[in-house]
Protein backbone atom coordinates (compact mmCIF):
# COMPACT_ATOMS: atom_id res chain seq x y z
CA UNK A 1 21.87 -17.22 -77.17
CA UNK A 2 20.72 -15.10 -74.38
CA UNK A 3 17.39 -16.26 -74.04
CA UNK A 4 16.17 -17.99 -70.30
CA UNK A 5 16.82 -21.23 -69.35
CA UNK A 6 13.92 -23.26 -69.60
CA UNK A 7 13.06 -25.75 -66.13
CA UNK A 8 12.09 -28.82 -67.87
CA UNK A 9 10.24 -31.42 -65.18
CA UNK A 10 9.58 -34.31 -67.04
CA UNK A 11 7.58 -35.64 -63.86
CA UNK A 12 5.64 -32.57 -62.54
CA UNK A 13 3.80 -35.05 -60.21
CA UNK A 14 5.91 -36.33 -56.99
CA UNK A 15 3.22 -39.01 -56.96
CA UNK A 16 3.58 -40.13 -60.40
CA UNK A 17 3.38 -43.67 -60.91
CA UNK A 18 6.46 -43.96 -62.72
CA UNK A 19 8.93 -41.00 -63.11
CA UNK A 20 10.82 -42.73 -66.11
CA UNK A 21 10.26 -42.53 -69.47
CA UNK A 22 12.16 -43.61 -72.80
CA UNK A 23 10.97 -42.24 -76.39
CA UNK A 24 12.39 -42.46 -79.71
CA UNK A 25 13.99 -39.07 -80.53
CA UNK A 26 11.76 -37.72 -83.17
CA UNK A 27 8.91 -38.45 -81.08
CA UNK A 28 9.95 -36.34 -78.57
CA UNK A 29 10.61 -33.93 -81.03
CA UNK A 30 7.28 -33.96 -82.32
CA UNK A 31 5.43 -33.62 -78.92
CA UNK A 32 7.37 -31.02 -76.97
CA UNK A 33 5.53 -27.48 -76.59
CA UNK A 34 8.85 -25.61 -76.81
CA UNK A 35 11.80 -25.93 -79.17
CA UNK A 36 14.16 -28.13 -78.16
CA UNK A 37 17.06 -26.26 -79.37
CA UNK A 38 16.70 -23.78 -76.65
CA UNK A 39 18.82 -24.69 -73.84
CA UNK A 40 17.04 -26.58 -71.00
CA UNK A 41 17.95 -27.11 -67.20
CA UNK A 42 16.42 -30.64 -66.45
CA UNK A 43 15.41 -31.67 -63.21
CA UNK A 44 15.82 -35.48 -63.81
CA UNK A 45 19.02 -37.60 -65.29
CA UNK A 46 19.11 -38.38 -68.83
CA UNK A 47 20.67 -41.08 -71.29
CA UNK A 48 20.48 -40.77 -74.75
CA UNK A 49 21.63 -43.51 -77.02
CA UNK A 50 21.85 -42.41 -80.72
CA UNK A 51 21.37 -45.21 -82.94
CA UNK A 52 21.48 -43.19 -86.44
CA UNK A 53 23.35 -40.13 -87.83
CA UNK A 54 25.68 -37.18 -85.97
CA UNK A 55 25.62 -34.36 -84.55
CA UNK A 56 26.54 -32.26 -81.54
CA UNK A 57 25.29 -31.77 -78.27
CA UNK A 58 25.89 -29.04 -75.72
CA UNK A 59 26.31 -29.51 -72.71
CA UNK A 60 27.14 -26.89 -69.61
CA UNK A 61 28.67 -24.53 -73.13
CA UNK A 62 30.74 -27.36 -74.79
CA UNK A 63 29.84 -28.75 -77.72
CA UNK A 64 30.66 -32.58 -78.23
CA UNK A 65 30.38 -34.59 -80.99
CA UNK A 66 28.32 -37.95 -81.39
CA UNK A 67 27.44 -40.47 -84.02
CA UNK A 68 25.49 -43.49 -84.02
CA UNK A 69 26.35 -46.33 -81.37
CA UNK A 70 27.56 -43.41 -78.78
CA UNK A 71 25.87 -42.57 -75.00
CA UNK A 72 24.79 -39.77 -74.10
CA UNK A 73 24.62 -38.83 -70.08
CA UNK A 74 23.21 -35.62 -68.83
CA UNK A 75 22.98 -35.17 -64.85
CA UNK A 76 20.29 -33.52 -62.80
CA UNK A 77 20.34 -29.42 -63.02
CA UNK A 78 22.62 -29.63 -65.85
CA UNK A 79 22.08 -27.18 -68.84
CA UNK A 80 21.69 -28.90 -72.09
CA UNK A 81 20.71 -27.88 -75.65
CA UNK A 82 20.09 -29.95 -78.72
CA UNK A 83 21.12 -29.59 -81.91
CA UNK A 84 18.07 -30.74 -84.30
CA UNK A 85 18.39 -33.34 -87.14
CA UNK A 86 15.22 -34.53 -88.24
CA UNK A 87 17.14 -37.42 -89.87
CA UNK A 88 18.68 -38.46 -86.87
CA UNK A 89 17.49 -41.34 -84.17
CA UNK A 90 17.65 -42.55 -80.85
CA UNK A 91 16.66 -43.48 -77.87
CA UNK A 92 15.85 -40.72 -75.03
CA UNK A 93 15.76 -41.98 -71.61
CA UNK A 94 14.82 -39.51 -68.67
CA UNK A 95 14.26 -40.85 -64.95
CA UNK A 96 14.28 -39.23 -61.51
CA UNK A 97 16.28 -41.03 -58.67
CA UNK A 98 13.82 -41.58 -56.53
CA UNK A 99 12.32 -43.99 -59.07
CA UNK A 100 15.44 -45.81 -59.88
CA UNK A 101 15.68 -46.42 -56.27
CA UNK A 102 12.69 -47.49 -54.05
CA UNK A 103 14.03 -47.24 -50.83
CA UNK A 104 15.17 -44.06 -49.04
CA UNK A 105 18.53 -45.26 -48.12
CA UNK A 106 19.39 -45.80 -51.74
CA UNK A 107 18.58 -42.48 -53.46
CA UNK A 108 22.21 -41.07 -53.29
CA UNK A 109 23.63 -43.63 -55.28
CA UNK A 110 23.75 -41.82 -58.12
CA UNK A 111 25.93 -39.18 -56.64
CA UNK A 112 28.88 -42.03 -57.13
CA UNK A 113 27.91 -42.70 -60.42
CA UNK A 114 30.50 -41.52 -62.59
CA UNK A 115 28.48 -41.49 -65.99
CA UNK A 116 27.23 -38.29 -64.65
CA UNK A 117 30.24 -36.79 -63.17
CA UNK A 118 30.23 -33.48 -65.34
CA UNK A 119 33.53 -32.70 -63.15
CA UNK A 120 35.24 -35.65 -64.43
CA UNK A 121 34.94 -36.92 -67.96
CA UNK A 122 33.09 -36.26 -71.29
CA UNK A 123 29.45 -36.61 -71.06
CA UNK A 124 29.71 -39.05 -74.30
CA UNK A 125 30.44 -42.98 -74.16
CA UNK A 126 31.51 -44.43 -77.54
CA UNK A 127 30.26 -47.93 -78.00
CA UNK A 128 31.99 -50.86 -79.60
CA UNK A 129 29.98 -53.42 -81.56
CA UNK A 130 29.36 -55.70 -78.88
CA UNK A 131 28.66 -52.62 -76.08
CA UNK A 132 26.55 -51.54 -78.47
CA UNK A 133 24.57 -54.57 -79.65
CA UNK A 134 23.74 -54.82 -75.58
CA UNK A 135 22.99 -51.16 -74.97
CA UNK A 136 20.46 -51.40 -77.74
CA UNK A 137 18.60 -54.13 -76.91
CA UNK A 138 18.36 -53.18 -73.38
CA UNK A 139 17.16 -49.52 -74.74
CA UNK A 140 14.47 -51.59 -76.78
CA UNK A 141 13.50 -54.17 -73.53
CA UNK A 142 12.92 -50.80 -71.75
CA UNK A 143 10.72 -49.10 -74.45
CA UNK A 144 8.71 -52.67 -74.19
CA UNK A 145 7.78 -52.21 -70.83
CA UNK A 146 7.57 -48.54 -70.95
CA UNK A 147 4.52 -49.32 -73.52
CA UNK A 148 2.99 -52.19 -71.04
CA UNK A 149 -0.21 -51.20 -69.42
CA UNK A 150 -0.21 -49.09 -66.30
CA UNK A 151 -2.02 -51.49 -64.21
CA UNK A 152 0.43 -54.09 -64.79
CA UNK A 153 1.83 -55.76 -61.74
CA UNK A 154 5.22 -56.26 -62.74
CA UNK A 155 5.71 -53.24 -64.86
CA UNK A 156 7.45 -51.12 -62.43
CA UNK A 157 9.99 -53.46 -61.25
CA UNK A 158 10.98 -54.87 -64.65
CA UNK A 159 11.43 -51.17 -65.69
CA UNK A 160 13.60 -50.30 -63.01
CA UNK A 161 15.45 -53.11 -62.61
CA UNK A 162 16.45 -53.09 -66.79
CA UNK A 163 17.12 -49.38 -66.03
CA UNK A 164 19.82 -50.02 -63.20
CA UNK A 165 21.22 -52.86 -65.78
CA UNK A 166 21.97 -50.50 -68.30
CA UNK A 167 23.41 -47.57 -65.82
CA UNK A 168 25.86 -50.65 -64.36
CA UNK A 169 26.99 -51.58 -67.70
CA UNK A 170 27.84 -47.87 -68.69
CA UNK A 171 29.56 -47.57 -65.10
CA UNK A 172 31.60 -50.08 -65.59
CA UNK A 173 32.51 -48.99 -69.09
CA UNK A 174 33.49 -45.36 -67.91
CA UNK A 175 35.07 -46.85 -64.45
CA UNK A 176 37.90 -48.56 -66.93
CA UNK A 177 38.96 -44.97 -68.19
CA UNK A 178 39.99 -44.21 -64.17
CA UNK A 179 42.75 -44.44 -62.72
CA UNK A 180 42.72 -47.04 -59.32
CA UNK A 181 44.15 -43.94 -56.97
CA UNK A 182 40.98 -41.81 -58.42
CA UNK A 183 38.97 -44.38 -57.73
CA UNK A 184 39.99 -44.62 -53.96
CA UNK A 185 39.11 -41.05 -53.36
CA UNK A 186 36.29 -40.93 -55.63
CA UNK A 187 33.57 -41.43 -52.38
CA UNK A 188 35.39 -38.06 -50.65
CA UNK A 189 35.54 -36.40 -53.66
CA UNK A 190 31.58 -36.71 -54.19
CA UNK A 191 30.75 -35.54 -50.66
CA UNK A 192 33.08 -32.22 -51.60
CA UNK A 193 31.38 -31.85 -54.95
CA UNK A 194 28.22 -32.03 -53.57
CA UNK A 195 29.13 -29.87 -51.20
CA UNK A 196 30.50 -27.00 -53.48
CA UNK A 197 26.99 -27.41 -55.43
CA UNK A 198 25.34 -26.68 -52.16
CA UNK A 199 27.13 -23.79 -50.93
CA UNK A 200 29.54 -22.14 -53.76
CA UNK A 201 26.91 -18.78 -54.35
CA UNK A 202 27.73 -18.53 -50.44
CA UNK A 203 31.54 -18.96 -50.06
CA UNK A 204 34.63 -19.70 -51.93
CA UNK A 205 36.91 -20.65 -49.12
CA UNK A 206 38.75 -24.10 -48.87
CA UNK A 207 38.11 -23.67 -45.23
CA UNK A 208 34.54 -23.47 -44.86
CA UNK A 209 34.07 -26.73 -46.88
CA UNK A 210 36.56 -28.40 -44.55
CA UNK A 211 34.72 -27.27 -41.32
CA UNK A 212 31.80 -28.36 -43.12
CA UNK A 213 32.86 -31.54 -43.92
CA UNK A 214 35.39 -32.60 -41.63
CA UNK A 215 38.39 -32.83 -43.56
CA UNK A 216 41.65 -30.50 -43.47
CA UNK A 217 41.87 -28.15 -46.32
CA UNK A 218 45.01 -30.33 -47.02
CA UNK A 219 43.06 -33.29 -47.18
CA UNK A 220 40.66 -31.48 -49.85
CA UNK A 221 43.67 -30.51 -52.00
CA UNK A 222 44.95 -34.05 -52.15
CA UNK A 223 41.45 -35.50 -53.08
CA UNK A 224 40.80 -33.13 -55.96
CA UNK A 225 44.43 -33.38 -56.63
CA UNK A 226 44.17 -37.16 -57.22
CA UNK A 227 40.85 -37.31 -58.58
CA UNK A 228 41.14 -33.92 -61.02
CA UNK A 229 44.71 -33.11 -61.04
CA UNK A 230 43.67 -29.82 -59.69
CA UNK A 231 43.77 -28.21 -56.03
CA UNK A 232 40.35 -27.46 -54.33
CA UNK A 233 40.29 -24.02 -54.12
CA UNK A 234 40.30 -23.87 -58.24
CA UNK A 235 37.54 -26.70 -58.40
CA UNK A 236 34.90 -24.34 -56.27
CA UNK A 237 35.63 -20.94 -58.26
CA UNK A 238 35.61 -23.24 -61.49
CA UNK A 239 31.81 -23.90 -59.91
CA UNK A 240 31.13 -20.78 -59.69
CA UNK A 241 33.05 -19.62 -63.22
CA UNK A 242 30.66 -22.42 -64.52
CA UNK A 243 27.64 -20.74 -63.36
CA UNK A 244 28.46 -16.95 -64.42
CA UNK A 245 28.47 -18.16 -67.57
CA UNK A 246 25.36 -19.83 -67.80
CA UNK A 247 23.43 -16.78 -66.71
CA UNK A 248 25.16 -14.63 -69.24
CA UNK A 249 24.51 -16.91 -72.26
CA UNK A 250 20.98 -18.02 -71.42
CA UNK A 251 19.65 -15.09 -69.69
CA UNK A 252 19.63 -11.49 -70.00
CA UNK A 253 20.47 -10.34 -66.81
CA UNK A 254 22.38 -7.55 -66.06
CA UNK A 255 26.42 -8.01 -64.45
CA UNK A 256 24.82 -6.47 -61.64
CA UNK A 257 21.94 -8.79 -61.23
CA UNK A 258 24.31 -11.79 -61.75
CA UNK A 259 27.00 -10.69 -59.27
CA UNK A 260 23.79 -10.76 -56.65
CA UNK A 261 22.85 -14.42 -57.95
CA UNK A 262 26.54 -15.70 -57.49
CA UNK A 263 27.59 -14.54 -54.38
CA UNK A 264 29.59 -11.18 -55.18
CA UNK A 265 29.41 -8.04 -52.86
CA UNK A 266 29.97 -5.84 -56.03
CA UNK A 267 29.40 -6.12 -60.12
CA UNK A 268 33.46 -5.10 -59.88
CA UNK A 269 34.62 -8.17 -58.12
CA UNK A 270 32.94 -10.79 -60.50
CA UNK A 271 34.44 -8.89 -63.46
CA UNK A 272 37.83 -9.26 -61.86
CA UNK A 273 36.70 -12.69 -60.83
CA UNK A 274 35.61 -13.74 -63.85
CA UNK A 275 38.72 -12.74 -66.10
CA UNK A 276 41.40 -14.18 -63.66
CA UNK A 277 39.68 -17.46 -65.09
CA UNK A 278 38.79 -16.90 -68.66
CA UNK A 279 40.81 -13.38 -70.00
CA UNK A 280 38.40 -11.88 -70.63
CA UNK A 281 35.46 -9.97 -69.37
CA UNK A 282 31.84 -11.21 -68.68
CA UNK A 283 30.40 -8.80 -71.09
CA UNK A 284 33.40 -9.30 -73.62
CA UNK A 285 32.51 -13.32 -73.33
CA UNK A 286 28.34 -13.00 -73.73
CA UNK A 287 28.99 -10.86 -76.98
CA UNK A 288 31.60 -13.52 -78.17
CA UNK A 289 29.24 -16.24 -77.76
CA UNK A 290 26.25 -14.18 -79.38
CA UNK A 291 28.62 -13.43 -82.42
CA UNK A 292 29.40 -17.14 -82.78
CA UNK A 293 25.95 -18.08 -82.81
CA UNK A 294 24.71 -15.08 -85.43
């Protein structure tokens, strides 16, 4: 479990005409140049529609069970890991937000989509028969357009609109699970979450985030309490704990090296911080996961 996290870039060339791909799961496994059950940090968004079989998918150290008629969402830069089941079938869809939103002013819209918000809910969405039928048809249409010649003048726009429809339908289903009060606060929460992603290595101080965003600390606490039922400080610290876990499980870095990467002056401060939230030392956590996976 302590191998390095792979950085996976499905669209390595910035000027690729279509930064979006859809493949059958078995085709993806057959053509990859690295073991698919290795931890991966994907530099794109990922959706998987499981159509046959069952198993588990790992996202940021949590195991999520799936079966057929299940949608999986993995956000850009999350660490995920496949479980290999050769008999399973699925459509695997990866895309960049630059492709989805052709105009620059639209590129941040994905930040408001709950389907890709790992802080808010499970990355899985179990579909009823009717919804599954709609998604299956759309994924099949998307695959058909993906296979059209590159010089087809309509390919990109049809593909982009099909992708947008898939995301909107998934978002509708996810939002039906969210409390109305949380919906009203969600835009403010996404601003805070994005700032935490940018700065958590440099500061864990709520006041720093409040100053940057133009809120009061009280306002930030109200936002996270309504959205997540936790205060702002806990949200920040949990993000730091997640990063420490990523480095413990998926690298062989020493505690000192992990402390340097996560903004701690001394390894002992990291150990105290980690133990406060997990009730175990970082090394004990690493050993436990290695033992479980052996």
